[in-house]
Amino acid sequence: MKATGIVRRIDDLGRVVIPKEIRRTMRIREGDPLEIYTDREGEVIFKKYSPIGELTNFAAQYADTLHKVCMMDVLICDRDAVIACAGVPKREYLEKSLSAELEALMEGRALYMHTEGGEQMMPLNDALAHYVSCAMPIVSSGDIIGIVVSLKSLDGYGKNNLSSEVETRLISTAAGFLGRQLEE
């Protein structure tokens, strides 16, 4: 655990203010759910709660299936980071922060499909070898909880030869299915 040197008092209603610098660094927004943990040494730990995180193993299996059956490179993300991927190097994508463009796309709540000759949207902040081909936000009980993304290689050599209609249907189906799993 890393010490910040910041001390806050609990108010009469039991509230503690998390400093703006920490909220910005940890990408905690107003209304974000936090899990509270305690340990035997008396430490209280706040962790960002990701509802889709409960489906990480299931999401990984879904991504693997899309990759094996359809030859798609796939990312499944919560609101902040990649939680599952297939067809791309896991160490380069898993648990990495999403790009601002992908976050904005998620907030838009609409299907995105890259158009040939259009600007290429990067999925992560780090320049990698893929761009977003198709993406659909995962919505559960009216809340955006993540996004499913298919990728294409920047070098133009890709395994995905699906028509754009089939690709959008597969990505939309994955997002819809994962959203419904969390509603149950």
Protein backbone atom coordinates (compact mmCIF):
# COMPACT_ATOMS: atom_id res chain seq x y z
CA MET A 1 0.00 0.00 0.00
CA LYS A 2 1.26 3.49 -0.85
CA ALA A 3 1.08 6.34 1.68
CA THR A 4 -0.21 9.67 0.33
CA GLY A 5 0.43 11.84 3.37
CA ILE A 6 -3.15 13.11 3.19
CA VAL A 7 -5.24 13.00 6.37
CA ARG A 8 -9.01 13.56 6.47
CA ARG A 9 -11.43 13.62 9.40
CA ILE A 10 -14.75 11.80 9.52
CA ASP A 11 -17.70 14.21 9.79
CA ASP A 12 -20.67 13.81 12.13
CA LEU A 13 -22.52 11.76 9.50
CA GLY A 14 -19.61 9.31 9.11
CA ARG A 15 -18.43 10.69 5.77
CA VAL A 16 -14.87 11.10 4.54
CA VAL A 17 -13.91 13.24 1.56
CA ILE A 18 -11.62 11.52 -0.92
CA PRO A 19 -9.24 14.26 -2.16
CA LYS A 20 -9.66 15.46 -5.73
CA GLU A 21 -6.09 14.44 -6.68
CA ILE A 22 -6.74 10.85 -5.62
CA ARG A 23 -10.15 10.76 -7.36
CA ARG A 24 -8.54 12.06 -10.56
CA THR A 25 -5.60 9.64 -10.39
CA MET A 26 -7.83 6.66 -9.63
CA ARG A 27 -10.48 7.81 -12.12
CA ILE A 28 -13.23 7.87 -9.51
CA ARG A 29 -16.23 9.90 -10.67
CA GLU A 30 -19.21 11.21 -8.75
CA GLY A 31 -21.66 8.38 -8.28
CA ASP A 32 -19.09 5.60 -8.82
CA PRO A 33 -19.62 2.66 -6.46
CA LEU A 34 -16.76 1.78 -4.09
CA GLU A 35 -16.23 -1.52 -2.27
CA ILE A 36 -15.04 -1.27 1.32
CA TYR A 37 -12.60 -3.84 2.71
CA THR A 38 -11.04 -4.15 6.14
CA ASP A 39 -8.10 -6.22 7.31
CA ARG A 40 -6.88 -7.52 10.66
CA GLU A 41 -4.45 -4.64 11.12
CA GLY A 42 -7.35 -2.16 11.20
CA GLU A 43 -6.90 -0.83 7.68
CA VAL A 44 -9.94 0.29 5.70
CA ILE A 45 -9.51 -0.04 1.94
CA PHE A 46 -11.73 1.50 -0.72
CA LYS A 47 -11.71 -0.19 -4.11
CA LYS A 48 -13.58 0.86 -7.22
CA TYR A 49 -16.43 -1.56 -7.75
CA SER A 50 -16.89 -2.99 -11.21
CA PRO A 51 -20.16 -4.90 -11.65
CA ILE A 52 -18.83 -6.54 -14.80
CA GLY A 53 -15.77 -7.61 -12.80
CA GLU A 54 -17.99 -10.32 -11.34
CA LEU A 55 -18.24 -11.74 -14.85
CA THR A 56 -14.52 -11.62 -15.67
CA ASN A 57 -14.12 -15.37 -16.23
CA PHE A 58 -17.34 -15.52 -18.22
CA ALA A 59 -16.32 -12.45 -20.28
CA ALA A 60 -12.94 -14.05 -21.01
CA GLN A 61 -14.65 -17.22 -22.25
CA TYR A 62 -17.02 -15.17 -24.42
CA ALA A 63 -14.09 -13.21 -25.92
CA ASP A 64 -12.17 -16.45 -26.58
CA THR A 65 -15.19 -17.97 -28.32
CA LEU A 66 -15.67 -14.91 -30.56
CA HIS A 67 -11.99 -15.09 -31.47
CA LYS A 68 -11.90 -18.83 -32.16
CA VAL A 69 -15.18 -19.06 -34.08
CA CYS A 70 -15.18 -15.71 -35.91
CA MET A 71 -11.45 -14.86 -35.97
CA MET A 72 -12.18 -11.52 -34.26
CA ASP A 73 -9.72 -9.73 -31.98
CA VAL A 74 -11.91 -8.76 -29.03
CA LEU A 75 -11.73 -6.62 -25.88
CA ILE A 76 -14.30 -6.62 -23.10
CA CYS A 77 -13.93 -3.65 -20.77
CA ASP A 78 -15.49 -2.22 -17.65
CA ARG A 79 -15.81 1.58 -17.43
CA ASP A 80 -12.06 2.08 -16.92
CA ALA A 81 -9.97 -0.85 -18.12
CA VAL A 82 -9.82 -4.04 -20.19
CA ILE A 83 -11.05 -7.04 -18.19
CA ALA A 84 -10.88 -9.70 -20.94
CA CYS A 85 -9.30 -10.00 -24.37
CA ALA A 86 -8.72 -12.55 -27.11
CA GLY A 87 -6.60 -12.49 -30.25
CA VAL A 88 -4.26 -9.81 -28.88
CA PRO A 89 -1.36 -10.08 -26.39
CA LYS A 90 -2.91 -10.19 -22.91
CA ARG A 91 0.04 -8.45 -21.24
CA GLU A 92 -0.39 -5.46 -23.58
CA TYR A 93 -4.15 -5.09 -23.06
CA LEU A 94 -5.43 -6.66 -19.81
CA GLU A 95 -6.06 -4.17 -17.00
CA LYS A 96 -4.90 -1.23 -19.16
CA SER A 97 -6.81 2.08 -19.09
CA LEU A 98 -9.18 2.92 -21.93
CA SER A 99 -8.56 5.85 -24.27
CA ALA A 100 -10.61 9.01 -23.80
CA GLU A 101 -12.21 8.37 -27.22
CA LEU A 102 -13.39 4.91 -26.19
CA GLU A 103 -14.73 6.28 -22.89
CA ALA A 104 -16.65 8.98 -24.79
CA LEU A 105 -18.01 6.34 -27.16
CA MET A 106 -19.20 4.32 -24.17
CA GLU A 107 -20.95 7.36 -22.68
CA GLY A 108 -22.72 7.88 -26.02
CA ARG A 109 -24.54 4.55 -25.51
CA ALA A 110 -24.54 3.81 -29.24
CA LEU A 111 -23.02 1.26 -31.58
CA TYR A 112 -19.81 2.42 -33.28
CA MET A 113 -18.57 1.02 -36.58
CA HIS A 114 -15.34 2.23 -38.17
CA THR A 115 -15.82 3.43 -41.72
CA GLU A 116 -13.17 2.71 -44.33
CA GLY A 117 -10.93 5.75 -44.74
CA GLY A 118 -12.21 7.28 -41.49
CA GLU A 119 -10.09 8.23 -38.51
CA GLN A 120 -8.87 5.23 -36.53
CA MET A 121 -9.84 5.20 -32.85
CA MET A 122 -7.29 3.69 -30.50
CA PRO A 123 -8.72 1.47 -27.76
CA LEU A 124 -6.08 2.38 -25.15
CA ASN A 125 -3.94 5.40 -24.32
CA ASP A 126 -0.75 3.56 -25.24
CA ALA A 127 -0.12 3.37 -28.97
CA LEU A 128 -0.59 -0.29 -29.86
CA ALA A 129 -1.00 -2.29 -33.01
CA HIS A 130 -4.82 -2.22 -33.26
CA TYR A 131 -7.67 0.22 -33.74
CA VAL A 132 -11.38 -0.06 -32.89
CA SER A 133 -13.37 -1.68 -35.69
CA CYS A 134 -16.70 -2.01 -33.89
CA ALA A 135 -17.83 -1.25 -30.34
CA MET A 136 -21.03 -1.46 -28.34
CA PRO A 137 -21.53 -0.27 -24.74
CA ILE A 138 -22.72 -2.82 -22.18
CA VAL A 139 -25.83 -1.49 -20.44
CA SER A 140 -27.39 -3.16 -17.42
CA SER A 141 -30.50 -1.82 -15.67
CA GLY A 142 -30.03 1.47 -17.52
CA ASP A 143 -26.41 1.95 -16.35
CA ILE A 144 -23.36 1.80 -18.59
CA ILE A 145 -21.06 -0.82 -17.11
CA GLY A 146 -18.58 -1.44 -19.91
CA ILE A 147 -18.04 -1.97 -23.62
CA VAL A 148 -17.35 -4.82 -26.07
CA VAL A 149 -14.85 -3.94 -28.80
CA SER A 150 -13.65 -5.71 -31.94
CA LEU A 151 -10.22 -4.66 -33.18
CA LYS A 152 -8.44 -4.51 -36.50
CA SER A 153 -4.69 -4.46 -37.03
CA LEU A 154 -3.08 -1.12 -37.91
CA ASP A 155 -0.87 -2.86 -40.46
CA GLY A 156 -3.92 -3.95 -42.42
CA TYR A 157 -3.28 -7.65 -41.99
CA GLY A 158 -6.23 -9.04 -40.15
CA LYS A 159 -7.90 -12.36 -39.73
CA ASN A 160 -11.38 -10.85 -39.42
CA ASN A 161 -13.05 -11.07 -42.82
CA LEU A 162 -16.59 -10.65 -41.52
CA SER A 163 -18.98 -8.25 -43.19
CA SER A 164 -19.65 -5.11 -41.18
CA GLU A 165 -23.26 -6.24 -40.65
CA VAL A 166 -22.20 -9.58 -39.14
CA GLU A 167 -19.52 -7.90 -37.03
CA THR A 168 -21.97 -5.34 -35.60
CA ARG A 169 -24.50 -8.07 -34.82
CA LEU A 170 -21.90 -10.19 -33.01
CA ILE A 171 -20.60 -7.25 -30.94
CA SER A 172 -24.14 -6.01 -30.17
CA THR A 173 -25.17 -9.52 -29.13
CA ALA A 174 -22.16 -9.86 -26.83
CA ALA A 175 -22.84 -6.48 -25.17
CA GLY A 176 -26.54 -7.24 -24.77
CA PHE A 177 -25.89 -10.69 -23.37
CA LEU A 178 -23.31 -9.50 -20.82
CA GLY A 179 -25.64 -6.67 -19.73
CA ARG A 180 -28.50 -9.11 -19.16
CA GLN A 181 -26.27 -11.44 -17.15
CA LEU A 182 -25.76 -8.68 -14.60
CA GLU A 183 -29.49 -7.97 -14.34
CA GLU A 184 -30.24 -11.49 -13.11
